N, C-alpha and C. Protein backbone atom coordinates (compact mmCIF):
# COMPACT_ATOMS: atom_id res chain seq x y z
N VAL A 1 151.46 69.41 182.09
CA VAL A 1 150.40 69.05 183.04
C VAL A 1 150.96 68.00 183.99
N THR A 2 150.85 68.29 185.27
CA THR A 2 151.32 67.31 186.24
C THR A 2 150.31 66.18 186.36
N GLY A 3 150.83 65.04 186.64
CA GLY A 3 149.99 63.86 186.82
C GLY A 3 150.37 63.16 188.11
N PRO A 4 149.80 62.01 188.34
CA PRO A 4 150.04 61.28 189.59
C PRO A 4 151.51 61.04 189.90
N ILE A 5 152.31 60.68 188.91
CA ILE A 5 153.72 60.40 189.19
C ILE A 5 154.45 61.66 189.63
N ASP A 6 154.04 62.82 189.11
CA ASP A 6 154.66 64.09 189.51
C ASP A 6 154.29 64.45 190.94
N ILE A 7 153.08 64.15 191.33
CA ILE A 7 152.61 64.48 192.67
C ILE A 7 153.09 63.47 193.70
N VAL A 8 152.97 62.20 193.38
CA VAL A 8 153.36 61.15 194.32
C VAL A 8 154.87 61.09 194.45
N GLY A 9 155.58 61.26 193.36
CA GLY A 9 157.03 61.16 193.39
C GLY A 9 157.46 59.71 193.42
N ASP A 10 158.73 59.50 193.40
CA ASP A 10 159.27 58.14 193.38
C ASP A 10 159.59 57.70 194.80
N GLY A 11 158.61 57.13 195.48
CA GLY A 11 158.83 56.64 196.83
C GLY A 11 158.83 57.71 197.91
N VAL A 12 158.45 58.94 197.56
CA VAL A 12 158.44 60.02 198.54
C VAL A 12 157.04 60.20 199.12
N GLY A 13 156.06 60.35 198.24
CA GLY A 13 154.69 60.57 198.70
C GLY A 13 153.81 59.35 198.58
N GLY A 14 154.37 58.29 198.09
CA GLY A 14 153.60 57.07 197.88
C GLY A 14 154.32 56.19 196.88
N ALA A 15 153.57 55.42 196.14
CA ALA A 15 154.18 54.53 195.15
C ALA A 15 153.26 54.41 193.95
N VAL A 16 153.84 54.45 192.78
CA VAL A 16 153.08 54.30 191.54
C VAL A 16 153.69 53.15 190.76
N SER A 17 152.84 52.26 190.31
CA SER A 17 153.28 51.13 189.51
C SER A 17 152.10 50.61 188.71
N GLY A 18 152.38 50.00 187.60
CA GLY A 18 151.33 49.34 186.82
C GLY A 18 150.81 48.10 187.53
N ASP A 19 151.58 47.62 188.48
CA ASP A 19 151.22 46.44 189.27
C ASP A 19 150.73 46.91 190.64
N LEU A 20 149.44 46.76 190.90
CA LEU A 20 148.85 47.25 192.14
C LEU A 20 149.51 46.63 193.37
N ARG A 21 149.80 45.35 193.32
CA ARG A 21 150.44 44.68 194.45
C ARG A 21 151.81 45.30 194.73
N GLU A 22 152.57 45.51 193.68
CA GLU A 22 153.90 46.11 193.81
C GLU A 22 153.81 47.51 194.42
N ALA A 23 152.86 48.31 193.95
CA ALA A 23 152.69 49.66 194.46
C ALA A 23 152.27 49.65 195.92
N ALA A 24 151.36 48.76 196.28
CA ALA A 24 150.89 48.68 197.67
C ALA A 24 152.02 48.28 198.60
N LEU A 25 152.82 47.32 198.20
CA LEU A 25 153.94 46.88 199.03
C LEU A 25 155.00 47.98 199.16
N ALA A 26 155.26 48.69 198.08
CA ALA A 26 156.23 49.79 198.12
C ALA A 26 155.72 50.92 199.00
N ALA A 27 154.42 51.19 198.97
CA ALA A 27 153.83 52.27 199.77
C ALA A 27 153.99 52.01 201.27
N LEU A 28 154.08 50.76 201.65
CA LEU A 28 154.26 50.43 203.07
C LEU A 28 155.60 50.93 203.62
N HIS A 29 156.54 51.21 202.74
CA HIS A 29 157.87 51.64 203.16
C HIS A 29 158.07 53.15 203.05
N VAL A 30 157.04 53.87 202.67
CA VAL A 30 157.13 55.32 202.52
C VAL A 30 156.99 55.98 203.89
N ASP A 31 157.84 56.96 204.17
CA ASP A 31 157.77 57.70 205.42
C ASP A 31 156.47 58.51 205.45
N ARG A 32 155.64 58.28 206.46
CA ARG A 32 154.32 58.92 206.52
C ARG A 32 154.41 60.43 206.64
N ALA A 33 155.35 60.92 207.45
CA ALA A 33 155.49 62.36 207.63
C ALA A 33 155.90 63.03 206.32
N GLU A 34 156.83 62.43 205.60
CA GLU A 34 157.26 62.99 204.31
C GLU A 34 156.12 62.94 203.29
N ALA A 35 155.36 61.85 203.31
CA ALA A 35 154.23 61.72 202.38
C ALA A 35 153.19 62.81 202.66
N ARG A 36 152.90 63.05 203.92
CA ARG A 36 151.93 64.10 204.28
C ARG A 36 152.44 65.47 203.87
N GLN A 37 153.71 65.74 204.14
CA GLN A 37 154.28 67.03 203.78
C GLN A 37 154.19 67.25 202.27
N ARG A 38 154.49 66.22 201.52
CA ARG A 38 154.40 66.33 200.05
C ARG A 38 152.95 66.53 199.62
N ALA A 39 152.03 65.79 200.22
CA ALA A 39 150.62 65.91 199.87
C ALA A 39 150.09 67.31 200.13
N MET A 40 150.55 67.95 201.19
CA MET A 40 150.08 69.29 201.52
C MET A 40 150.48 70.31 200.46
N ARG A 41 151.53 70.02 199.71
CA ARG A 41 151.93 70.91 198.61
C ARG A 41 150.90 70.90 197.49
N TYR A 42 150.01 69.90 197.49
CA TYR A 42 149.00 69.76 196.44
C TYR A 42 147.58 69.79 197.01
N SER A 43 147.41 70.40 198.19
CA SER A 43 146.08 70.52 198.78
C SER A 43 145.24 71.46 197.92
N TRP A 44 143.94 71.49 198.16
CA TRP A 44 143.08 72.41 197.40
C TRP A 44 143.52 73.85 197.61
N THR A 45 143.90 74.19 198.84
CA THR A 45 144.36 75.55 199.14
C THR A 45 145.64 75.86 198.38
N ALA A 46 146.59 74.94 198.41
CA ALA A 46 147.85 75.16 197.71
C ALA A 46 147.62 75.28 196.20
N CYS A 47 146.75 74.45 195.65
CA CYS A 47 146.45 74.51 194.21
C CYS A 47 145.78 75.83 193.84
N ALA A 48 144.87 76.30 194.70
CA ALA A 48 144.21 77.59 194.45
C ALA A 48 145.24 78.72 194.48
N GLU A 49 146.17 78.67 195.43
CA GLU A 49 147.22 79.69 195.52
C GLU A 49 148.09 79.68 194.25
N MET A 50 148.46 78.50 193.78
CA MET A 50 149.27 78.39 192.56
C MET A 50 148.51 78.97 191.37
N PHE A 51 147.20 78.66 191.29
CA PHE A 51 146.37 79.17 190.20
C PHE A 51 146.30 80.69 190.25
N LEU A 52 146.01 81.24 191.43
CA LEU A 52 145.91 82.69 191.57
C LEU A 52 147.24 83.38 191.27
N ASP A 53 148.34 82.79 191.70
CA ASP A 53 149.66 83.35 191.39
C ASP A 53 149.87 83.43 189.88
N THR A 54 149.45 82.40 189.17
CA THR A 54 149.62 82.36 187.72
C THR A 54 148.74 83.42 187.04
N VAL A 55 147.50 83.55 187.52
CA VAL A 55 146.60 84.57 186.96
C VAL A 55 147.16 85.96 187.22
N GLU A 56 147.62 86.20 188.44
CA GLU A 56 148.19 87.51 188.78
C GLU A 56 149.41 87.83 187.92
N GLU A 57 150.24 86.84 187.72
CA GLU A 57 151.42 87.04 186.89
C GLU A 57 151.01 87.40 185.46
N ALA A 58 150.01 86.71 184.94
CA ALA A 58 149.54 86.97 183.58
C ALA A 58 148.93 88.36 183.46
N LEU A 59 148.23 88.80 184.52
CA LEU A 59 147.57 90.10 184.50
C LEU A 59 148.47 91.23 184.97
N GLY A 60 149.60 90.88 185.59
CA GLY A 60 150.49 91.90 186.13
C GLY A 60 149.92 92.57 187.37
N THR A 61 149.16 91.82 188.16
CA THR A 61 148.55 92.35 189.38
C THR A 61 148.99 91.53 190.58
N THR A 62 148.63 92.02 191.76
CA THR A 62 148.86 91.26 193.00
C THR A 62 147.60 91.32 193.84
N ARG A 63 147.41 90.29 194.65
CA ARG A 63 146.24 90.23 195.53
C ARG A 63 146.39 91.19 196.70
N LYS A 64 145.27 91.72 197.13
CA LYS A 64 145.25 92.53 198.34
C LYS A 64 144.84 91.61 199.48
N LEU A 65 145.56 91.69 200.58
CA LEU A 65 145.24 90.86 201.74
C LEU A 65 143.96 91.36 202.40
N ALA A 66 143.12 90.41 202.80
CA ALA A 66 141.88 90.77 203.50
C ALA A 66 142.21 91.33 204.87
N ALA A 67 141.47 92.33 205.28
CA ALA A 67 141.72 92.96 206.59
C ALA A 67 141.14 92.14 207.71
């Protein structure tokens, strides 16, 4: 199960620390464009796609594209 550290990464999408001050200061040095790009990999749409891909794989089916 992925958690915050897996999603945020180490200084890529933000900062995680047991010390809030430390995390906030580290987050100030994170590249905003890279953080956004990483965050988009975990958007609701991306998560739904990952879920559907897993279900399809388990069922041995593929989605039909809407016309």
